[in-house]
């Protein structure tokens, strides 16, 4: 009797999961439409905010550089520094065992 009950429960769960999968596959619309979800910001606004963040961080960095007597950075100069640092890291990186040969 215990084995029959286990098969009945397993079969019921399988049918339940199949019904849920079928609903997800063939029900019209998306989950976002069902809950009336809309993104809070557009992708264009996200890009604008990112650029504004970069400008603010660069200005704060330049304020510290001015205070210590160092020259200011431009966005292009910062990009060059990042590219040079990436090149240095790639050059310094070596596969294990490469230095021993």
PDB file of N, CA and C in Angstrom:
ATOM      1  N   UNK A   1       0.824  -1.192   0.000  1.00  0.00           N
ATOM      2  CA  UNK A   1       0.000   0.000   0.000  1.00  0.00           C
ATOM      3  C   UNK A   1       0.868   1.256   0.000  1.00  0.00           C
ATOM      4  N   UNK A   2       2.007   1.220   0.722  1.00  0.00           N
ATOM      5  CA  UNK A   2       2.880   2.382   0.793  1.00  0.00           C
ATOM      6  C   UNK A   2       3.494   2.721  -0.554  1.00  0.00           C
ATOM      7  N   UNK A   3       3.809   1.694  -1.335  1.00  0.00           N
ATOM      8  CA  UNK A   3       4.389   1.922  -2.651  1.00  0.00           C
ATOM      9  C   UNK A   3       3.407   2.560  -3.614  1.00  0.00           C
ATOM     10  N   UNK A   4       2.151   2.167  -3.501  1.00  0.00           N
ATOM     11  CA  UNK A   4       1.129   2.751  -4.375  1.00  0.00           C
ATOM     12  C   UNK A   4       0.937   4.235  -4.072  1.00  0.00           C
ATOM     13  N   UNK A   5       0.973   4.583  -2.802  1.00  0.00           N
ATOM     14  CA  UNK A   5       0.810   5.986  -2.403  1.00  0.00           C
ATOM     15  C   UNK A   5       1.971   6.834  -2.929  1.00  0.00           C
ATOM     16  N   UNK A   6       3.176   6.300  -2.838  1.00  0.00           N
ATOM     17  CA  UNK A   6       4.350   7.024  -3.330  1.00  0.00           C
ATOM     18  C   UNK A   6       4.229   7.285  -4.829  1.00  0.00           C
ATOM     19  N   UNK A   7       3.779   6.278  -5.584  1.00  0.00           N
ATOM     20  CA  UNK A   7       3.608   6.460  -7.025  1.00  0.00           C
ATOM     21  C   UNK A   7       2.510   7.470  -7.328  1.00  0.00           C
ATOM     22  N   UNK A   8       1.463   7.451  -6.524  1.00  0.00           N
ATOM     23  CA  UNK A   8       0.367   8.400  -6.710  1.00  0.00           C
ATOM     24  C   UNK A   8       0.840   9.835  -6.460  1.00  0.00           C
ATOM     25  N   UNK A   9       1.609  10.040  -5.400  1.00  0.00           N
ATOM     26  CA  UNK A   9       2.133  11.376  -5.092  1.00  0.00           C
ATOM     27  C   UNK A   9       3.113  11.821  -6.178  1.00  0.00           C
ATOM     28  N   UNK A  10       4.010  10.937  -6.590  1.00  0.00           N
ATOM     29  CA  UNK A  10       4.978  11.280  -7.638  1.00  0.00           C
ATOM     30  C   UNK A  10       4.261  11.611  -8.943  1.00  0.00           C
ATOM     31  N   UNK A  11       3.250  10.833  -9.289  1.00  0.00           N
ATOM     32  CA  UNK A  11       2.490  11.109 -10.509  1.00  0.00           C
ATOM     33  C   UNK A  11       1.749  12.425 -10.425  1.00  0.00           C
ATOM     34  N   UNK A  12       1.158  12.708  -9.266  1.00  0.00           N
ATOM     35  CA  UNK A  12       0.454  13.980  -9.079  1.00  0.00           C
ATOM     36  C   UNK A  12       1.390  15.170  -9.197  1.00  0.00           C
ATOM     37  N   UNK A  13       2.574  15.058  -8.595  1.00  0.00           N
ATOM     38  CA  UNK A  13       3.557  16.143  -8.700  1.00  0.00           C
ATOM     39  C   UNK A  13       4.024  16.325 -10.142  1.00  0.00           C
ATOM     40  N   UNK A  14       4.214  15.219 -10.846  1.00  0.00           N
ATOM     41  CA  UNK A  14       4.638  15.302 -12.245  1.00  0.00           C
ATOM     42  C   UNK A  14       3.582  15.998 -13.092  1.00  0.00           C
ATOM     43  N   UNK A  15       2.330  15.634 -12.900  1.00  0.00           N
ATOM     44  CA  UNK A  15       1.246  16.277 -13.649  1.00  0.00           C
ATOM     45  C   UNK A  15       1.182  17.763 -13.308  1.00  0.00           C
ATOM     46  N   UNK A  16       1.341  18.102 -12.034  1.00  0.00           N
ATOM     47  CA  UNK A  16       1.309  19.497 -11.601  1.00  0.00           C
ATOM     48  C   UNK A  16       2.421  20.306 -12.274  1.00  0.00           C
ATOM     49  N   UNK A  17       3.621  19.760 -12.292  1.00  0.00           N
ATOM     50  CA  UNK A  17       4.753  20.449 -12.924  1.00  0.00           C
ATOM     51  C   UNK A  17       4.511  20.593 -14.424  1.00  0.00           C
ATOM     52  N   UNK A  18       3.991  19.560 -15.064  1.00  0.00           N
ATOM     53  CA  UNK A  18       3.711  19.643 -16.502  1.00  0.00           C
ATOM     54  C   UNK A  18       2.655  20.700 -16.805  1.00  0.00           C
ATOM     55  N   UNK A  19       1.650  20.816 -15.950  1.00  0.00           N
ATOM     56  CA  UNK A  19       0.628  21.853 -16.140  1.00  0.00           C
ATOM     57  C   UNK A  19       1.246  23.238 -16.010  1.00  0.00           C
ATOM     58  N   UNK A  20       2.108  23.420 -15.006  1.00  0.00           N
ATOM     59  CA  UNK A  20       2.767  24.722 -14.843  1.00  0.00           C
ATOM     60  C   UNK A  20       3.646  25.055 -16.048  1.00  0.00           C
ATOM     61  N   UNK A  21       4.391  24.075 -16.540  1.00  0.00           N
ATOM     62  CA  UNK A  21       5.236  24.307 -17.716  1.00  0.00           C
ATOM     63  C   UNK A  21       4.396  24.644 -18.942  1.00  0.00           C
ATOM     64  N   UNK A  22       3.274  23.958 -19.108  1.00  0.00           N
ATOM     65  CA  UNK A  22       2.392  24.238 -20.247  1.00  0.00           C
ATOM     66  C   UNK A  22       1.807  25.641 -20.145  1.00  0.00           C
ATOM     67  N   UNK A  23       1.429  26.048 -18.938  1.00  0.00           N
ATOM     68  CA  UNK A  23       0.919  27.412 -18.758  1.00  0.00           C
ATOM     69  C   UNK A  23       1.979  28.445 -19.128  1.00  0.00           C
ATOM     70  N   UNK A  24       3.202  28.210 -18.688  1.00  0.00           N
ATOM     71  CA  UNK A  24       4.282  29.139 -19.007  1.00  0.00           C
ATOM     72  C   UNK A  24       4.578  29.200 -20.487  1.00  0.00           C
ATOM     73  N   UNK A  25       4.455  28.077 -21.147  1.00  0.00           N
ATOM     74  CA  UNK A  25       4.773  28.021 -22.578  1.00  0.00           C
ATOM     75  C   UNK A  25       3.678  28.636 -23.440  1.00  0.00           C
ATOM     76  N   UNK A  26       2.422  28.313 -23.163  1.00  0.00           N
ATOM     77  CA  UNK A  26       1.355  28.691 -24.091  1.00  0.00           C
ATOM     78  C   UNK A  26       0.441  29.810 -23.606  1.00  0.00           C
ATOM     79  N   UNK A  27       0.649  30.312 -22.396  1.00  0.00           N
ATOM     80  CA  UNK A  27      -0.203  31.403 -21.928  1.00  0.00           C
ATOM     81  C   UNK A  27       0.217  32.688 -22.636  1.00  0.00           C
ATOM     82  N   UNK A  28      -0.717  33.464 -23.166  1.00  0.00           N
ATOM     83  CA  UNK A  28      -0.329  34.690 -23.884  1.00  0.00           C
ATOM     84  C   UNK A  28       0.214  35.742 -22.918  1.00  0.00           C
ATOM     85  N   UNK A  29       1.138  36.532 -23.413  1.00  0.00           N
ATOM     86  CA  UNK A  29       1.699  37.608 -22.600  1.00  0.00           C
ATOM     87  C   UNK A  29       2.910  37.136 -21.815  1.00  0.00           C
ATOM     88  N   UNK A  30       3.469  38.067 -21.066  1.00  0.00           N
ATOM     89  CA  UNK A  30       4.635  37.772 -20.245  1.00  0.00           C
ATOM     90  C   UNK A  30       4.289  37.994 -18.788  1.00  0.00           C
ATOM     91  N   UNK A  31       5.162  37.534 -17.935  1.00  0.00           N
ATOM     92  CA  UNK A  31       4.962  37.754 -16.507  1.00  0.00           C
ATOM     93  C   UNK A  31       4.983  39.230 -16.165  1.00  0.00           C
ATOM     94  N   UNK A  32       5.808  40.000 -16.864  1.00  0.00           N
ATOM     95  CA  UNK A  32       5.877  41.441 -16.616  1.00  0.00           C
ATOM     96  C   UNK A  32       4.550  42.111 -16.939  1.00  0.00           C
ATOM     97  N   UNK A  33       3.890  41.642 -17.977  1.00  0.00           N
ATOM     98  CA  UNK A  33       2.577  42.205 -18.313  1.00  0.00           C
ATOM     99  C   UNK A  33       1.540  41.833 -17.265  1.00  0.00           C
ATOM    100  N   UNK A  34       1.650  40.640 -16.710  1.00  0.00           N
ATOM    101  CA  UNK A  34       0.672  40.187 -15.727  1.00  0.00           C
ATOM    102  C   UNK A  34       0.712  41.038 -14.463  1.00  0.00           C
ATOM    103  N   UNK A  35       1.897  41.468 -14.067  1.00  0.00           N
ATOM    104  CA  UNK A  35       2.019  42.285 -12.851  1.00  0.00           C
ATOM    105  C   UNK A  35       2.159  43.767 -13.179  1.00  0.00           C
ATOM    106  N   UNK A  36       1.982  44.131 -14.449  1.00  0.00           N
ATOM    107  CA  UNK A  36       2.061  45.520 -14.906  1.00  0.00           C
ATOM    108  C   UNK A  36       3.405  46.148 -14.531  1.00  0.00           C
ATOM    109  N   UNK A  37       4.489  45.416 -14.783  1.00  0.00           N
ATOM    110  CA  UNK A  37       5.823  45.877 -14.438  1.00  0.00           C
ATOM    111  C   UNK A  37       6.420  46.656 -15.599  1.00  0.00           C
ATOM    112  N   UNK A  38       7.004  47.794 -15.273  1.00  0.00           N
ATOM    113  CA  UNK A  38       7.717  48.605 -16.259  1.00  0.00           C
ATOM    114  C   UNK A  38       9.056  48.999 -15.648  1.00  0.00           C
ATOM    115  N   UNK A  39      10.119  49.024 -16.438  1.00  0.00           N
ATOM    116  CA  UNK A  39      11.412  49.448 -15.901  1.00  0.00           C
ATOM    117  C   UNK A  39      11.321  50.872 -15.363  1.00  0.00           C
ATOM    118  N   UNK A  40      12.038  51.135 -14.285  1.00  0.00           N
ATOM    119  CA  UNK A  40      11.975  52.464 -13.688  1.00  0.00           C
ATOM    120  C   UNK A  40      12.719  53.495 -14.524  1.00  0.00           C
ATOM    121  N   UNK A  41      13.749  53.056 -15.249  1.00  0.00           N
ATOM    122  CA  UNK A  41      14.529  53.991 -16.067  1.00  0.00           C
ATOM    123  C   UNK A  41      14.714  53.414 -17.465  1.00  0.00           C
ATOM    124  N   UNK A  42      14.781  54.317 -18.421  1.00  0.00           N
ATOM    125  CA  UNK A  42      15.034  53.878 -19.794  1.00  0.00           C
ATOM    126  C   UNK A  42      16.534  53.608 -19.961  1.00  0.00           C
ATOM    127  N   UNK A  43      16.910  52.810 -20.947  1.00  0.00           N
ATOM    128  CA  UNK A  43      18.336  52.574 -21.197  1.00  0.00           C
ATOM    129  C   UNK A  43      19.094  53.869 -21.501  1.00  0.00           C
ATOM    130  N   UNK A  44      18.430  54.809 -22.173  1.00  0.00           N
ATOM    131  CA  UNK A  44      19.089  56.079 -22.482  1.00  0.00           C
ATOM    132  C   UNK A  44      19.414  56.840 -21.200  1.00  0.00           C
ATOM    133  N   UNK A  45      18.483  56.833 -20.252  1.00  0.00           N
ATOM    134  CA  UNK A  45      18.715  57.509 -18.980  1.00  0.00           C
ATOM    135  C   UNK A  45      19.826  56.817 -18.201  1.00  0.00           C
ATOM    136  N   UNK A  46      19.891  55.499 -18.265  1.00  0.00           N
ATOM    137  CA  UNK A  46      20.958  54.761 -17.587  1.00  0.00           C
ATOM    138  C   UNK A  46      22.326  55.178 -18.128  1.00  0.00           C
ATOM    139  N   UNK A  47      22.442  55.295 -19.456  1.00  0.00           N
ATOM    140  CA  UNK A  47      23.711  55.709 -20.061  1.00  0.00           C
ATOM    141  C   UNK A  47      24.059  57.123 -19.626  1.00  0.00           C
ATOM    142  N   UNK A  48      23.075  58.003 -19.634  1.00  0.00           N
ATOM    143  CA  UNK A  48      23.298  59.387 -19.223  1.00  0.00           C
ATOM    144  C   UNK A  48      23.779  59.450 -17.774  1.00  0.00           C
ATOM    145  N   UNK A  49      23.174  58.657 -16.901  1.00  0.00           N
ATOM    146  CA  UNK A  49      23.581  58.644 -15.498  1.00  0.00           C
ATOM    147  C   UNK A  49      24.991  58.087 -15.334  1.00  0.00           C
ATOM    148  N   UNK A  50      25.339  57.059 -16.114  1.00  0.00           N
ATOM    149  CA  UNK A  50      26.688  56.507 -16.058  1.00  0.00           C
ATOM    150  C   UNK A  50      27.724  57.552 -16.469  1.00  0.00           C
ATOM    151  N   UNK A  51      27.445  58.275 -17.554  1.00  0.00           N
ATOM    152  CA  UNK A  51      28.377  59.309 -18.009  1.00  0.00           C
ATOM    153  C   UNK A  51      28.508  60.414 -16.974  1.00  0.00           C
ATOM    154  N   UNK A  52      27.406  60.767 -16.334  1.00  0.00           N
ATOM    155  CA  UNK A  52      27.436  61.777 -15.286  1.00  0.00           C
ATOM    156  C   UNK A  52      28.271  61.292 -14.102  1.00  0.00           C
ATOM    157  N   UNK A  53      28.140  60.009 -13.752  1.00  0.00           N
ATOM    158  CA  UNK A  53      28.939  59.442 -12.665  1.00  0.00           C
ATOM    159  C   UNK A  53      30.427  59.519 -12.986  1.00  0.00           C
ATOM    160  N   UNK A  54      30.788  59.178 -14.219  1.00  0.00           N
ATOM    161  CA  UNK A  54      32.198  59.228 -14.623  1.00  0.00           C
ATOM    162  C   UNK A  54      32.720  60.656 -14.516  1.00  0.00           C
ATOM    163  N   UNK A  55      31.932  61.615 -14.973  1.00  0.00           N
ATOM    164  CA  UNK A  55      32.356  63.018 -14.900  1.00  0.00           C
ATOM    165  C   UNK A  55      32.539  63.453 -13.448  1.00  0.00           C
ATOM    166  N   UNK A  56      31.628  63.052 -12.565  1.00  0.00           N
ATOM    167  CA  UNK A  56      31.739  63.421 -11.154  1.00  0.00           C
ATOM    168  C   UNK A  56      32.967  62.781 -10.508  1.00  0.00           C
ATOM    169  N   UNK A  57      33.218  61.512 -10.816  1.00  0.00           N
ATOM    170  CA  UNK A  57      34.386  60.844 -10.237  1.00  0.00           C
ATOM    171  C   UNK A  57      35.679  61.460 -10.756  1.00  0.00           C
ATOM    172  N   UNK A  58      35.709  61.812 -12.026  1.00  0.00           N
ATOM    173  CA  UNK A  58      36.895  62.433 -12.605  1.00  0.00           C
ATOM    174  C   UNK A  58      37.142  63.797 -11.972  1.00  0.00           C
ATOM    175  N   UNK A  59      36.079  64.568 -11.755  1.00  0.00           N
ATOM    176  CA  UNK A  59      36.223  65.876 -11.118  1.00  0.00           C
ATOM    177  C   UNK A  59      36.727  65.736  -9.687  1.00  0.00           C
ATOM    178  N   UNK A  60      36.210  64.769  -8.940  1.00  0.00           N
ATOM    179  CA  UNK A  60      36.672  64.553  -7.567  1.00  0.00           C
ATOM    180  C   UNK A  60      38.136  64.132  -7.557  1.00  0.00           C
ATOM    181  N   UNK A  61      38.526  63.281  -8.494  1.00  0.00           N
ATOM    182  CA  UNK A  61      39.914  62.853  -8.592  1.00  0.00           C
ATOM    183  C   UNK A  61      40.810  64.037  -8.939  1.00  0.00           C
ATOM    184  N   UNK A  62      40.356  64.886  -9.854  1.00  0.00           N
ATOM    185  CA  UNK A  62      41.152  66.054 -10.229  1.00  0.00           C
ATOM    186  C   UNK A  62      41.279  67.037  -9.076  1.00  0.00           C
ATOM    187  N   UNK A  63      40.257  67.161  -8.244  1.00  0.00           N
ATOM    188  CA  UNK A  63      40.358  68.043  -7.076  1.00  0.00           C
ATOM    189  C   UNK A  63      41.465  67.544  -6.149  1.00  0.00           C
ATOM    190  N   UNK A  64      41.540  66.237  -5.941  1.00  0.00           N
ATOM    191  CA  UNK A  64      42.607  65.677  -5.102  1.00  0.00           C
ATOM    192  C   UNK A  64      43.964  65.872  -5.763  1.00  0.00           C
ATOM    193  N   UNK A  65      44.020  65.706  -7.084  1.00  0.00           N
ATOM    194  CA  UNK A  65      45.294  65.882  -7.790  1.00  0.00           C
ATOM    195  C   UNK A  65      45.760  67.338  -7.712  1.00  0.00           C
ATOM    196  N   UNK A  66      44.822  68.283  -7.868  1.00  0.00           N
ATOM    197  CA  UNK A  66      45.187  69.699  -7.749  1.00  0.00           C
ATOM    198  C   UNK A  66      45.716  70.002  -6.355  1.00  0.00           C
ATOM    199  N   UNK A  67      45.073  69.448  -5.346  1.00  0.00           N
ATOM    200  CA  UNK A  67      45.485  69.700  -3.963  1.00  0.00           C
ATOM    201  C   UNK A  67      46.887  69.161  -3.692  1.00  0.00           C
ATOM    202  N   UNK A  68      47.273  68.097  -4.369  1.00  0.00           N
ATOM    203  CA  UNK A  68      48.605  67.537  -4.145  1.00  0.00           C
ATOM    204  C   UNK A  68      49.620  68.038  -5.171  1.00  0.00           C
ATOM    205  N   UNK A  69      49.204  68.948  -6.058  1.00  0.00           N
ATOM    206  CA  UNK A  69      50.130  69.545  -7.013  1.00  0.00           C
ATOM    207  C   UNK A  69      50.373  68.716  -8.268  1.00  0.00           C
ATOM    208  N   UNK A  70      49.601  67.690  -8.473  1.00  0.00           N
ATOM    209  CA  UNK A  70      49.765  66.871  -9.673  1.00  0.00           C
ATOM    210  C   UNK A  70      48.874  67.416 -10.782  1.00  0.00           C
ATOM    211  N   UNK A  71      49.213  67.122 -12.044  1.00  0.00           N
ATOM    212  CA  UNK A  71      48.385  67.614 -13.153  1.00  0.00           C
ATOM    213  C   UNK A  71      47.029  66.908 -13.186  1.00  0.00           C
ATOM    214  N   UNK A  72      46.041  67.610 -13.744  1.00  0.00           N
ATOM    215  CA  UNK A  72      44.696  67.050 -13.839  1.00  0.00           C
ATOM    216  C   UNK A  72      44.640  65.989 -14.929  1.00  0.00           C
ATOM    217  N   UNK A  73      43.673  65.107 -14.788  1.00  0.00           N
ATOM    218  CA  UNK A  73      43.427  64.075 -15.790  1.00  0.00           C
ATOM    219  C   UNK A  73      42.239  64.470 -16.647  1.00  0.00           C
ATOM    220  N   UNK A  74      42.328  64.139 -17.926  1.00  0.00           N
ATOM    221  CA  UNK A  74      41.158  64.259 -18.795  1.00  0.00           C
ATOM    222  C   UNK A  74      40.588  62.859 -18.970  1.00  0.00           C
ATOM    223  N   UNK A  75      39.413  62.771 -19.549  1.00  0.00           N
ATOM    224  CA  UNK A  75      38.835  61.443 -19.772  1.00  0.00           C
ATOM    225  C   UNK A  75      39.719  60.636 -20.715  1.00  0.00           C
ATOM    226  N   UNK A  76      40.258  61.292 -21.745  1.00  0.00           N
ATOM    227  CA  UNK A  76      41.143  60.584 -22.674  1.00  0.00           C
ATOM    228  C   UNK A  76      42.417  60.130 -21.972  1.00  0.00           C
ATOM    229  N   UNK A  77      42.954  60.995 -21.109  1.00  0.00           N
ATOM    230  CA  UNK A  77      44.147  60.620 -20.355  1.00  0.00           C
ATOM    231  C   UNK A  77      43.887  59.442 -19.437  1.00  0.00           C
ATOM    232  N   UNK A  78      42.721  59.440 -18.830  1.00  0.00           N
ATOM    233  CA  UNK A  78      42.351  58.329 -17.957  1.00  0.00           C
ATOM    234  C   UNK A  78      42.218  57.038 -18.757  1.00  0.00           C
ATOM    235  N   UNK A  79      41.608  57.135 -19.937  1.00  0.00           N
ATOM    236  CA  UNK A  79      41.489  55.945 -20.791  1.00  0.00           C
ATOM    237  C   UNK A  79      42.874  55.420 -21.185  1.00  0.00           C
ATOM    238  N   UNK A  80      43.801  56.330 -21.479  1.00  0.00           N
ATOM    239  CA  UNK A  80      45.163  55.915 -21.826  1.00  0.00           C
ATOM    240  C   UNK A  80      45.836  55.218 -20.652  1.00  0.00           C
ATOM    241  N   UNK A  81      45.652  55.755 -19.434  1.00  0.00           N
ATOM    242  CA  UNK A  81      46.235  55.123 -18.248  1.00  0.00           C
ATOM    243  C   UNK A  81      45.671  53.725 -18.041  1.00  0.00           C
ATOM    244  N   UNK A  82      44.365  53.586 -18.205  1.00  0.00           N
ATOM    245  CA  UNK A  82      43.730  52.274 -18.036  1.00  0.00           C
ATOM    246  C   UNK A  82      44.248  51.302 -19.088  1.00  0.00           C
ATOM    247  N   UNK A  83      44.362  51.753 -20.336  1.00  0.00           N
ATOM    248  CA  UNK A  83      44.867  50.883 -21.403  1.00  0.00           C
ATOM    249  C   UNK A  83      46.308  50.463 -21.113  1.00  0.00           C
ATOM    250  N   UNK A  84      47.131  51.402 -20.643  1.00  0.00           N
ATOM    251  CA  UNK A  84      48.519  51.075 -20.326  1.00  0.00           C
ATOM    252  C   UNK A  84      48.589  50.071 -19.177  1.00  0.00           C
ATOM    253  N   UNK A  85      47.744  50.250 -18.173  1.00  0.00           N
ATOM    254  CA  UNK A  85      47.717  49.314 -17.046  1.00  0.00           C
ATOM    255  C   UNK A  85      47.272  47.927 -17.499  1.00  0.00           C
ATOM    256  N   UNK A  86      46.279  47.865 -18.375  1.00  0.00           N
ATOM    257  CA  UNK A  86      45.827  46.566 -18.884  1.00  0.00           C
ATOM    258  C   UNK A  86      46.930  45.890 -19.694  1.00  0.00           C
ATOM    259  N   UNK A  87      47.648  46.665 -20.499  1.00  0.00           N
ATOM    260  CA  UNK A  87      48.754  46.096 -21.271  1.00  0.00           C
ATOM    261  C   UNK A  87      49.837  45.566 -20.348  1.00  0.00           C
ATOM    262  N   UNK A  88      50.150  46.323 -19.279  1.00  0.00           N
ATOM    263  CA  UNK A  88      51.172  45.889 -18.332  1.00  0.00           C
ATOM    264  C   UNK A  88      50.749  44.586 -17.656  1.00  0.00           C
ATOM    265  N   UNK A  89      49.475  44.503 -17.261  1.00  0.00           N
ATOM    266  CA  UNK A  89      48.999  43.281 -16.606  1.00  0.00           C
ATOM    267  C   UNK A  89      49.050  42.091 -17.555  1.00  0.00           C
ATOM    268  N   UNK A  90      48.671  42.310 -18.813  1.00  0.00           N
ATOM    269  CA  UNK A  90      48.737  41.213 -19.780  1.00  0.00           C
ATOM    270  C   UNK A  90      50.177  40.782 -20.026  1.00  0.00           C
ATOM    271  N   UNK A  91      51.082  41.747 -20.079  1.00  0.00           N
ATOM    272  CA  UNK A  91      52.487  41.449 -20.320  1.00  0.00           C
ATOM    273  C   UNK A  91      53.087  40.704 -19.130  1.00  0.00           C
ATOM    274  N   UNK A  92      52.702  41.115 -17.906  1.00  0.00           N
ATOM    275  CA  UNK A  92      53.258  40.497 -16.700  1.00  0.00           C
ATOM    276  C   UNK A  92      52.649  39.134 -16.402  1.00  0.00           C
ATOM    277  N   UNK A  93      51.463  38.893 -16.961  1.00  0.00           N
ATOM    278  CA  UNK A  93      50.802  37.620 -16.704  1.00  0.00           C
ATOM    279  C   UNK A  93      51.513  36.523 -17.476  1.00  0.00           C
ATOM    280  N   UNK A  94      51.767  35.445 -16.805  1.00  0.00           N
ATOM    281  CA  UNK A  94      52.372  34.316 -17.512  1.00  0.00           C
ATOM    282  C   UNK A  94      51.691  33.039 -17.055  1.00  0.00           C
ATOM    283  N   UNK A  95      51.644  32.087 -17.957  1.00  0.00           N
ATOM    284  CA  UNK A  95      51.055  30.792 -17.635  1.00  0.00           C
ATOM    285  C   UNK A  95      51.967  30.069 -16.649  1.00  0.00           C
ATOM    286  N   UNK A  96      51.401  29.212 -15.804  1.00  0.00           N
ATOM    287  CA  UNK A  96      52.237  28.446 -14.871  1.00  0.00           C
ATOM    288  C   UNK A  96      53.266  27.616 -15.634  1.00  0.00           C
ATOM    289  N   UNK A  97      54.503  27.682 -15.171  1.00  0.00           N
ATOM    290  CA  UNK A  97      55.565  26.919 -15.808  1.00  0.00           C
ATOM    291  C   UNK A  97      56.263  27.656 -16.921  1.00  0.00           C
ATOM    292  N   UNK A  98      55.749  28.800 -17.343  1.00  0.00           N
ATOM    293  CA  UNK A  98      56.348  29.533 -18.453  1.00  0.00           C
ATOM    294  C   UNK A  98      57.662  30.187 -18.024  1.00  0.00           C
ATOM    295  N   UNK A  99      57.751  30.632 -16.764  1.00  0.00           N
ATOM    296  CA  UNK A  99      58.956  31.294 -16.276  1.00  0.00           C
ATOM    297  C   UNK A  99      60.095  30.304 -16.056  1.00  0.00           C
ATOM    298  N   UNK A 100      59.768  29.038 -15.850  1.00  0.00           N
ATOM    299  CA  UNK A 100      60.776  28.049 -15.520  1.00  0.00           C
ATOM    300  C   UNK A 100      61.530  27.559 -16.742  1.00  0.00           C
ATOM    301  N   UNK A 101      61.007  27.743 -17.923  1.00  0.00           N
ATOM    302  CA  UNK A 101      61.621  27.198 -19.138  1.00  0.00           C
ATOM    303  C   UNK A 101      62.828  27.962 -19.567  1.00  0.00           C
TER     304      UNK A 101
END
